Amino acid sequence: MQLTADDVLRAFRRDELLLFISAASITIGVVAVAFSLIRRRFDQLLSFFAWFSVLYGARLWMHSGIHDLMAHPSPFLDKVQMALNFFVSVPAFQFFGAIVVGRTGRVIVYIVCMVEMCLIGAIFLGLPFPLLDNVNSVCIIAGSVSLLILAFRQPMAEKGAAVFRAGLLTFVGFILWTNAAELLGHRTTIELYGFVVFLCCLGYVAAERTLERDQQLSSIQQELDVARRIQLAILPTAFPVSENFTVAARYLPMNSVAGDFYEFIYTEGETVGILIADVSGHGVPAALIASMLKVAIQSQQHHVANPDRLLAGVNEALCGNTQNQFVTAAYAHLDAGYSELSYAAAGHPPMLLLREGQVSRVEENGLILAFLSSAIYTATKRSLLKGDRLLLYTDGIVEAANADEEEFGHDRLSSLLQRSVNMPAEEAADLILNTVRGWSSRQADDFTVLVCDYQRTL
């Protein structure tokens, strides 16, 4: 018999709803699989649902009149169609079993899946279809009722639980109806309506949870904005006007809040202390420890002229209170009266000194802070000459990487400092920060720069 356009049109009109649900089911399954791939994280529940949707949609398609018109009848195709009818139950029960927590639920799922796989094997061994179909119906009914009882005995406190259970109950009810009818020798397609109701309920639950997640993210963002303002408030707003020193600070966190920290410790007369620190990690935990660092530094004001003792005191105060996060720090005490600087550090990148166009490193490193309470620190002293420029920075500056994963490095930073020799401190700080930002393909760490000029007036 030759297939005509009228035949196809009549078949399409007769199965419009079935074809629509088939296409929608396959699309939802494909979208779920794509979502899992984009997230790059395997979600067992989502995976089972995705494969169930795809297989269920394919099963509906194979039951449509359009498929019957297009496919050439053959015993092998009949076996494939029957195998698909049985196999679609496997991801379906795996999905429901993942919802029903407990050993009993896992056992039921395992038994049903084993029976279905055995039935599929029996199809290709030549056992009669009616017998296998009846065994499948009994298996589906027993498994569905068992899982449904377990699902309703199990507490579900999440939002949307009532809607999900209603959809599940409707779908399982239609499944039971369909399989009971098949046992009595009646064919029905009523099951697909239950599937539509179940999909709608899942969509509602997904939409509700998405809205709730958006509200939570909005609330978290508001809290982070407040935390950022608080953190900025603990940083010095500006270096005070001084006849001997000019300091420019630039601070660019990676996230809303960060672990970089700096402080100016003022003393009477012609001295000042400049400290910079970097807490390991990022985000809120690092920011909280940075706040603790400010309190610890204030408790060591009596050691302001002794960088080694100040760092030792801060280290002792932090040990045991940072939840296994550590801090690098560098502290310079500048004395214009004696034209001298004292410097000590705790695992921090070296301070750079620009003098008469040449850059040298000032290093005197000890153990990182908050690691060992008995750590000992030492300080080094250097003379200060009028026109000297000091550069303190965090490791995010030298470790900033470009698109080729090449770090900015100490050599480029030294050359950049040399280029700033005739610039004011503020312009020098901007030059360094903007150059590093331009070099970096993406900011993977916090950026902090302190530029200090010594301009002793006699």
Protein backbone atom coordinates (compact mmCIF):
# COMPACT_ATOMS: atom_id res chain seq x y z
CA MET A 1 0.00 0.00 0.00
CA GLN A 2 1.44 3.37 -1.03
CA LEU A 3 1.75 6.01 1.71
CA THR A 4 -0.03 9.30 0.91
CA ALA A 5 0.09 12.74 2.46
CA ASP A 6 -3.50 12.29 3.66
CA ASP A 7 -2.49 9.15 5.55
CA VAL A 8 0.31 11.02 7.31
CA LEU A 9 -1.95 13.99 8.10
CA ARG A 10 -4.68 11.76 9.57
CA ALA A 11 -2.11 9.89 11.68
CA PHE A 12 -0.64 13.18 12.87
CA ARG A 13 -4.03 14.62 13.82
CA ARG A 14 -4.95 11.42 15.64
CA ASP A 15 -1.71 11.47 17.67
CA GLU A 16 -1.13 15.20 18.05
CA LEU A 17 -1.08 15.12 21.85
CA LEU A 18 1.04 11.97 21.99
CA LEU A 19 3.59 13.40 19.57
CA PHE A 20 3.74 16.70 21.47
CA ILE A 21 4.34 14.94 24.79
CA SER A 22 6.93 12.70 23.12
CA ALA A 23 8.85 15.67 21.73
CA ALA A 24 8.56 17.58 25.02
CA SER A 25 9.79 14.59 27.02
CA ILE A 26 12.82 14.04 24.79
CA THR A 27 13.63 17.77 24.81
CA ILE A 28 13.46 17.96 28.60
CA GLY A 29 15.75 14.94 28.87
CA VAL A 30 18.29 16.39 26.44
CA VAL A 31 18.25 19.75 28.27
CA ALA A 32 18.83 17.94 31.58
CA VAL A 33 21.82 16.06 30.10
CA ALA A 34 23.22 19.32 28.65
CA PHE A 35 22.79 21.03 32.01
CA SER A 36 24.80 18.26 33.71
CA LEU A 37 27.57 18.59 31.12
CA ILE A 38 27.70 22.37 31.51
CA ARG A 39 27.95 22.04 35.29
CA ARG A 40 30.71 19.43 34.84
CA ARG A 41 29.40 17.66 37.90
CA PHE A 42 27.51 14.38 37.87
CA ASP A 43 24.10 14.56 39.51
CA GLN A 44 22.67 11.07 39.93
CA LEU A 45 19.07 12.18 40.36
CA LEU A 46 19.19 14.51 37.36
CA SER A 47 20.87 11.84 35.23
CA PHE A 48 18.20 9.22 35.98
CA PHE A 49 15.45 11.73 35.24
CA ALA A 50 17.10 12.76 31.97
CA TRP A 51 17.41 9.22 30.64
CA PHE A 52 13.92 8.37 31.79
CA SER A 53 12.51 11.40 29.91
CA VAL A 54 14.40 10.59 26.72
CA LEU A 55 13.45 6.90 26.76
CA TYR A 56 9.83 7.64 27.69
CA GLY A 57 9.55 10.12 24.82
CA ALA A 58 11.08 7.59 22.40
CA ARG A 59 8.65 4.97 23.65
CA LEU A 60 5.68 7.28 22.97
CA TRP A 61 7.02 8.01 19.50
CA MET A 62 7.25 4.28 18.70
CA HIS A 63 3.61 3.90 19.76
CA SER A 64 2.43 6.65 17.40
CA GLY A 65 0.67 6.13 14.10
CA ILE A 66 3.33 8.22 12.31
CA HIS A 67 5.97 5.72 13.40
CA ASP A 68 3.82 2.80 12.20
CA LEU A 69 3.46 4.44 8.80
CA MET A 70 7.18 5.18 8.46
CA ALA A 71 8.60 1.92 9.84
CA HIS A 72 8.60 -1.33 7.90
CA PRO A 73 7.05 -4.09 10.03
CA SER A 74 9.56 -6.74 11.10
CA PRO A 75 9.90 -9.22 13.99
CA PHE A 76 13.16 -7.57 15.04
CA LEU A 77 11.55 -4.12 15.24
CA ASP A 78 8.76 -5.58 17.36
CA LYS A 79 11.38 -6.99 19.74
CA VAL A 80 13.17 -3.64 19.95
CA GLN A 81 9.90 -1.85 20.70
CA MET A 82 9.02 -4.37 23.41
CA ALA A 83 12.55 -4.11 24.87
CA LEU A 84 12.17 -0.31 25.02
CA ASN A 85 8.85 -0.71 26.83
CA PHE A 86 10.63 -2.75 29.48
CA PHE A 87 13.90 -0.77 29.62
CA VAL A 88 12.23 2.61 30.23
CA SER A 89 11.31 1.28 33.69
CA VAL A 90 14.98 0.99 34.69
CA PRO A 91 15.90 4.73 34.86
CA ALA A 92 12.37 5.45 36.12
CA PHE A 93 12.80 3.18 39.16
CA GLN A 94 16.36 4.41 39.65
CA PHE A 95 14.97 7.96 39.77
CA PHE A 96 12.23 7.10 42.23
CA GLY A 97 14.67 4.98 44.24
CA ALA A 98 17.06 7.93 44.56
CA ILE A 99 14.21 9.89 46.14
CA VAL A 100 13.22 7.09 48.51
CA VAL A 101 16.16 6.88 50.88
CA GLY A 102 16.77 3.63 52.71
CA ARG A 103 17.92 0.07 52.27
CA THR A 104 14.43 -1.25 51.53
CA GLY A 105 13.96 1.22 48.68
CA ARG A 106 17.33 0.31 47.15
CA VAL A 107 16.49 -3.40 47.34
CA ILE A 108 13.13 -2.86 45.59
CA VAL A 109 14.80 -0.84 42.82
CA TYR A 110 17.50 -3.48 42.39
CA ILE A 111 14.93 -6.30 42.11
CA VAL A 112 12.74 -4.43 39.62
CA CYS A 113 15.72 -3.49 37.44
CA MET A 114 17.02 -7.07 37.45
CA VAL A 115 13.58 -8.40 36.46
CA GLU A 116 13.32 -5.87 33.64
CA MET A 117 16.76 -6.77 32.28
CA CYS A 118 15.86 -10.46 32.42
CA LEU A 119 12.63 -9.73 30.54
CA ILE A 120 14.59 -7.89 27.85
CA GLY A 121 16.87 -10.88 27.49
CA ALA A 122 13.86 -13.19 27.30
CA ILE A 123 12.47 -11.12 24.39
CA PHE A 124 15.45 -11.97 22.20
CA LEU A 125 15.41 -15.58 23.37
CA GLY A 126 11.99 -15.93 21.74
CA LEU A 127 9.64 -16.17 24.73
CA PRO A 128 6.04 -15.13 23.91
CA PHE A 129 5.33 -11.41 24.13
CA PRO A 130 1.98 -11.70 26.02
CA LEU A 131 3.63 -13.69 28.82
CA LEU A 132 6.52 -11.23 29.14
CA ASP A 133 4.13 -8.27 29.01
CA ASN A 134 2.06 -9.71 31.88
CA VAL A 135 5.18 -10.37 33.99
CA ASN A 136 6.32 -6.80 33.31
CA SER A 137 2.93 -5.40 34.40
CA VAL A 138 3.00 -7.37 37.65
CA CYS A 139 6.59 -6.23 38.33
CA ILE A 140 5.74 -2.56 37.64
CA ILE A 141 2.64 -2.67 39.84
CA ALA A 142 4.44 -4.34 42.77
CA GLY A 143 7.47 -2.07 42.54
CA SER A 144 5.46 1.14 42.13
CA VAL A 145 3.16 0.43 45.06
CA SER A 146 6.12 -0.48 47.30
CA LEU A 147 8.09 2.64 46.45
CA LEU A 148 5.01 4.84 46.74
CA ILE A 149 4.36 3.56 50.28
CA LEU A 150 7.98 4.16 51.24
CA ALA A 151 7.95 7.65 49.68
CA PHE A 152 4.92 8.72 51.74
CA ARG A 153 6.33 7.24 54.94
CA GLN A 154 9.52 9.24 54.49
CA PRO A 155 9.53 12.84 55.81
CA MET A 156 10.13 15.54 53.19
CA ALA A 157 10.58 18.98 54.70
CA GLU A 158 11.73 20.76 51.54
CA LYS A 159 9.59 23.33 49.80
CA GLY A 160 7.44 21.82 47.07
CA ALA A 161 7.32 18.39 48.74
CA ALA A 162 3.51 18.35 48.70
CA VAL A 163 3.37 19.24 44.99
CA PHE A 164 6.03 16.67 44.15
CA ARG A 165 4.20 13.96 46.06
CA ALA A 166 0.93 14.86 44.35
CA GLY A 167 2.57 14.56 40.92
CA LEU A 168 4.28 11.32 41.90
CA LEU A 169 1.02 9.88 43.23
CA THR A 170 -0.83 10.86 40.04
CA PHE A 171 1.81 9.37 37.75
CA VAL A 172 2.11 6.14 39.72
CA GLY A 173 -1.68 5.90 39.83
CA PHE A 174 -1.88 6.14 36.04
CA ILE A 175 0.94 3.60 35.73
CA LEU A 176 -0.97 1.16 37.94
CA TRP A 177 -4.15 1.76 35.93
CA THR A 178 -2.36 1.14 32.62
CA ASN A 179 -0.60 -2.01 33.76
CA ALA A 180 -3.71 -3.41 35.46
CA ALA A 181 -5.66 -2.82 32.24
CA GLU A 182 -2.97 -4.62 30.24
CA LEU A 183 -3.21 -7.59 32.60
CA LEU A 184 -6.94 -7.72 31.81
CA GLY A 185 -6.23 -7.57 28.10
CA HIS A 186 -7.09 -3.90 27.48
CA ARG A 187 -4.78 -1.40 25.81
CA THR A 188 -4.80 2.20 27.07
CA THR A 189 -2.66 5.30 26.63
CA ILE A 190 -3.91 7.02 29.77
CA GLU A 191 -0.46 6.69 31.39
CA LEU A 192 0.94 9.60 29.36
CA TYR A 193 -1.51 12.02 31.02
CA GLY A 194 -0.08 11.05 34.37
CA PHE A 195 3.38 11.70 32.98
CA VAL A 196 2.31 15.18 31.89
CA VAL A 197 0.99 15.94 35.38
CA PHE A 198 4.23 14.66 36.91
CA LEU A 199 6.34 16.83 34.58
CA CYS A 200 4.24 19.89 35.44
CA CYS A 201 4.68 19.23 39.16
CA LEU A 202 8.45 18.85 38.69
CA GLY A 203 8.49 22.10 36.75
CA TYR A 204 6.60 23.87 39.52
CA VAL A 205 9.00 22.54 42.17
CA ALA A 206 12.01 23.51 40.03
CA ALA A 207 10.61 27.03 39.48
CA GLU A 208 9.86 27.44 43.20
CA ARG A 209 13.33 26.32 44.19
CA THR A 210 14.91 28.56 41.56
CA LEU A 211 13.00 31.56 42.90
CA GLU A 212 14.01 30.65 46.44
CA ARG A 213 17.65 30.28 45.35
CA ASP A 214 17.53 33.68 43.63
CA GLN A 215 16.18 35.24 46.82
CA GLN A 216 18.92 33.56 48.84
CA LEU A 217 21.58 34.76 46.39
CA SER A 218 20.17 38.28 46.56
CA SER A 219 20.27 38.17 50.36
CA ILE A 220 23.82 36.83 50.32
CA GLN A 221 24.88 39.56 47.90
CA GLN A 222 23.40 42.23 50.16
CA GLU A 223 25.28 40.75 53.12
CA LEU A 224 28.50 40.67 51.09
CA ASP A 225 28.02 44.33 50.17
CA VAL A 226 27.68 45.17 53.85
CA ALA A 227 30.73 43.02 54.66
CA ARG A 228 32.71 44.82 51.94
CA ARG A 229 31.83 48.23 53.35
CA ILE A 230 32.80 47.05 56.83
CA GLN A 231 36.10 45.68 55.56
CA LEU A 232 36.88 48.89 53.70
CA ALA A 233 36.12 50.77 56.91
CA ILE A 234 38.89 48.92 58.79
CA LEU A 235 41.47 49.95 56.18
CA PRO A 236 43.11 53.37 56.50
CA THR A 237 41.29 55.90 54.35
CA ALA A 238 44.45 57.88 53.61
CA PHE A 239 47.93 58.46 54.91
CA PRO A 240 48.06 61.63 56.99
CA VAL A 241 49.86 64.69 55.72
CA SER A 242 53.52 64.40 56.69
CA GLU A 243 56.61 66.49 56.04
CA ASN A 244 58.74 63.34 55.82
CA PHE A 245 56.66 60.60 54.17
CA THR A 246 54.07 60.23 51.44
CA VAL A 247 52.21 56.94 51.15
CA ALA A 248 49.81 55.87 48.36
CA ALA A 249 47.71 52.71 48.81
CA ARG A 250 45.84 50.75 46.15
CA TYR A 251 43.56 47.85 47.08
CA LEU A 252 41.64 45.74 44.56
CA PRO A 253 39.96 42.63 46.02
CA MET A 254 39.26 39.57 43.88
CA ASN A 255 35.79 39.14 45.40
CA SER A 256 33.45 41.39 47.34
CA VAL A 257 35.56 40.79 50.42
CA ALA A 258 39.17 39.70 50.57
CA GLY A 259 42.11 38.65 52.71
CA ASP A 260 44.56 41.43 51.84
CA PHE A 261 45.10 43.99 54.58
CA TYR A 262 47.28 47.00 55.27
CA GLU A 263 47.68 49.38 58.19
CA PHE A 264 49.48 52.63 59.02
CA ILE A 265 50.68 52.76 62.63
CA TYR A 266 51.12 56.37 63.61
CA THR A 267 53.45 57.47 66.36
CA GLU A 268 54.41 60.85 67.71
CA GLY A 269 57.30 62.69 66.16
CA GLU A 270 59.03 61.63 62.96
CA THR A 271 58.25 57.90 62.82
CA VAL A 272 55.58 55.75 61.24
CA GLY A 273 54.90 52.03 60.82
CA ILE A 274 53.58 50.51 57.59
CA LEU A 275 52.22 46.96 57.56
CA ILE A 276 50.85 44.82 54.74
CA ALA A 277 49.40 41.32 55.08
CA ASP A 278 47.81 38.59 53.00
CA VAL A 279 45.52 35.93 54.49
CA SER A 280 45.51 32.55 52.73
CA GLY A 281 42.34 31.80 50.80
CA HIS A 282 39.69 34.22 49.61
CA GLY A 283 36.26 35.52 50.44
CA VAL A 284 34.55 35.82 53.80
CA PRO A 285 36.86 33.52 55.87
CA ALA A 286 39.94 35.45 54.76
CA ALA A 287 38.19 38.77 55.40
CA LEU A 288 37.25 37.74 58.94
CA ILE A 289 40.85 36.82 59.71
CA ALA A 290 41.98 40.14 58.24
CA SER A 291 39.65 41.84 60.76
CA MET A 292 41.23 39.77 63.53
CA LEU A 293 44.62 40.89 62.26
CA LYS A 294 43.75 44.55 62.80
CA VAL A 295 42.84 43.87 66.43
CA ALA A 296 46.03 41.85 66.94
CA ILE A 297 48.15 44.69 65.53
CA GLN A 298 46.47 47.26 67.77
CA SER A 299 47.36 45.10 70.76
CA GLN A 300 51.04 45.37 69.78
CA GLN A 301 51.26 49.17 69.60
CA HIS A 302 53.99 49.16 72.25
CA HIS A 303 56.23 47.29 69.79
CA VAL A 304 55.68 49.73 66.94
CA ALA A 305 59.41 50.55 66.70
CA ASN A 306 60.44 46.87 66.72
CA PRO A 307 59.13 44.99 63.65
CA ASP A 308 60.40 41.62 64.90
CA ARG A 309 58.61 41.90 68.25
CA LEU A 310 55.45 43.27 66.66
CA LEU A 311 55.21 40.31 64.26
CA ALA A 312 55.95 37.86 67.08
CA GLY A 313 53.14 39.35 69.17
CA VAL A 314 50.69 39.30 66.28
CA ASN A 315 51.64 35.69 65.52
CA GLU A 316 51.03 34.63 69.11
CA ALA A 317 47.63 36.35 69.13
CA LEU A 318 46.55 34.65 65.88
CA CYS A 319 47.76 31.11 66.60
CA GLY A 320 44.86 28.76 67.27
CA ASN A 321 42.24 31.27 66.09
CA THR A 322 42.43 31.13 62.29
CA GLN A 323 40.97 27.68 61.51
CA ASN A 324 44.13 26.47 59.74
CA GLN A 325 44.43 29.55 57.58
CA PHE A 326 47.72 31.40 57.60
CA VAL A 327 48.93 34.95 57.10
CA THR A 328 51.95 36.45 55.39
CA ALA A 329 52.95 39.93 56.50
CA ALA A 330 55.63 42.56 56.19
CA TYR A 331 56.19 45.50 58.51
CA ALA A 332 58.47 48.51 58.03
CA HIS A 333 59.16 51.08 60.73
CA LEU A 334 60.42 54.36 59.28
CA ASP A 335 62.29 56.87 61.43
CA ALA A 336 62.96 60.25 59.80
CA GLY A 337 64.90 61.48 62.84
CA TYR A 338 67.60 58.85 62.34
CA SER A 339 66.97 58.42 58.58
CA GLU A 340 66.58 54.71 59.19
CA LEU A 341 64.14 51.91 58.44
CA SER A 342 63.64 48.65 60.30
CA TYR A 343 62.00 45.79 58.45
CA ALA A 344 60.73 42.31 59.25
CA ALA A 345 58.46 39.89 57.40
CA ALA A 346 56.61 36.63 57.85
CA GLY A 347 56.66 34.63 54.63
CA HIS A 348 55.90 37.76 52.58
CA PRO A 349 57.32 38.87 49.19
CA PRO A 350 60.37 41.15 49.63
CA MET A 351 59.99 44.90 49.91
CA LEU A 352 61.50 46.82 46.99
CA LEU A 353 63.65 49.93 47.49
CA LEU A 354 64.08 52.40 44.63
CA ARG A 355 67.14 54.58 45.23
CA GLU A 356 68.75 56.83 42.61
CA GLY A 357 67.08 54.89 39.79
CA GLN A 358 68.18 51.46 41.00
CA VAL A 359 65.91 48.83 42.60
CA SER A 360 67.06 46.52 45.38
CA ARG A 361 65.27 44.00 47.56
CA VAL A 362 64.87 44.31 51.30
CA GLU A 363 64.38 40.84 52.77
CA GLU A 364 64.25 39.51 56.31
CA ASN A 365 61.68 36.71 56.31
CA GLY A 366 60.46 34.50 59.12
CA LEU A 367 57.76 31.85 59.41
CA ILE A 368 54.23 32.68 58.23
CA LEU A 369 51.89 33.96 60.94
CA ALA A 370 49.38 31.72 62.78
CA PHE A 371 51.41 28.56 62.15
CA LEU A 372 53.62 28.20 65.23
CA SER A 373 53.14 30.30 68.36
CA SER A 374 56.81 30.12 69.34
CA ALA A 375 58.08 31.38 65.97
CA ILE A 376 60.94 33.88 66.21
CA TYR A 377 61.31 36.86 63.86
CA THR A 378 64.29 39.03 63.13
CA ALA A 379 64.55 42.55 61.73
CA THR A 380 66.99 44.21 59.38
CA LYS A 381 67.92 47.90 59.38
CA ARG A 382 68.73 50.12 56.43
CA SER A 383 69.58 53.78 56.10
CA LEU A 384 67.09 56.09 54.44
CA LEU A 385 68.10 58.70 51.89
CA LYS A 386 65.99 61.57 50.68
CA GLY A 387 64.13 60.50 47.53
CA ASP A 388 63.97 56.81 48.47
CA ARG A 389 60.82 55.00 47.35
CA LEU A 390 59.60 51.83 49.08
CA LEU A 391 57.17 49.35 47.54
CA LEU A 392 55.17 46.87 49.60
CA TYR A 393 52.75 44.52 47.81
CA THR A 394 50.94 41.19 48.12
CA ASP A 395 51.77 38.11 46.08
CA GLY A 396 48.73 38.63 43.84
CA ILE A 397 50.76 41.33 42.07
CA VAL A 398 53.75 39.16 41.08
CA GLU A 399 51.65 36.01 40.53
CA ALA A 400 49.16 37.64 38.15
CA ALA A 401 49.18 35.54 34.98
CA ASN A 402 48.43 36.47 31.39
CA ALA A 403 46.58 34.36 28.82
CA ASP A 404 49.72 32.22 28.32
CA GLU A 405 49.88 31.48 32.07
CA GLU A 406 53.04 33.60 32.37
CA GLU A 407 53.32 35.37 35.73
CA PHE A 408 54.03 39.09 35.99
CA GLY A 409 57.02 38.34 38.21
CA HIS A 410 59.46 40.32 40.34
CA ASP A 411 61.60 41.48 37.42
CA ARG A 412 58.72 43.22 35.65
CA LEU A 413 57.63 44.76 38.94
CA SER A 414 61.16 46.09 39.54
CA SER A 415 61.31 47.56 36.04
CA LEU A 416 57.91 49.16 36.59
CA LEU A 417 59.11 50.71 39.83
CA GLN A 418 62.12 52.12 37.99
CA ARG A 419 59.84 53.72 35.41
CA SER A 420 58.00 55.53 38.19
CA VAL A 421 61.10 57.32 39.46
CA ASN A 422 59.86 60.78 38.45
CA MET A 423 56.21 60.19 39.32
CA PRO A 424 54.44 61.16 42.55
CA ALA A 425 53.58 58.24 44.83
CA GLU A 426 49.92 58.31 43.81
CA GLU A 427 50.75 58.06 40.09
CA ALA A 428 53.31 55.33 40.77
CA ALA A 429 50.70 53.25 42.63
CA ASP A 430 48.21 53.69 39.78
CA LEU A 431 50.85 52.74 37.21
CA ILE A 432 51.68 49.49 39.01
CA LEU A 433 48.08 48.46 39.63
CA ASN A 434 46.83 49.32 36.13
CA THR A 435 49.78 47.58 34.46
CA VAL A 436 49.24 44.40 36.45
CA ARG A 437 45.51 44.48 35.71
CA GLY A 438 46.27 44.87 32.00
CA TRP A 439 48.73 41.98 32.14
CA SER A 440 46.39 39.62 33.97
CA SER A 441 43.89 37.73 31.80
CA ARG A 442 41.69 37.30 34.88
CA GLN A 443 42.12 38.39 38.46
CA ALA A 444 42.85 35.22 40.43
CA ASP A 445 43.95 36.93 43.65
CA ASP A 446 43.65 40.19 45.57
CA PHE A 447 45.87 43.09 44.46
CA THR A 448 47.34 45.44 47.08
CA VAL A 449 50.13 47.98 46.57
CA LEU A 450 51.72 50.46 49.02
CA VAL A 451 54.14 53.07 47.67
CA CYS A 452 56.04 55.11 50.27
CA ASP A 453 58.28 58.09 49.44
CA TYR A 454 60.83 59.43 51.91
CA GLN A 455 61.21 63.19 51.61
CA ARG A 456 63.12 64.23 54.70
CA THR A 457 63.02 67.98 55.24
CA LEU A 458 65.82 69.56 57.25
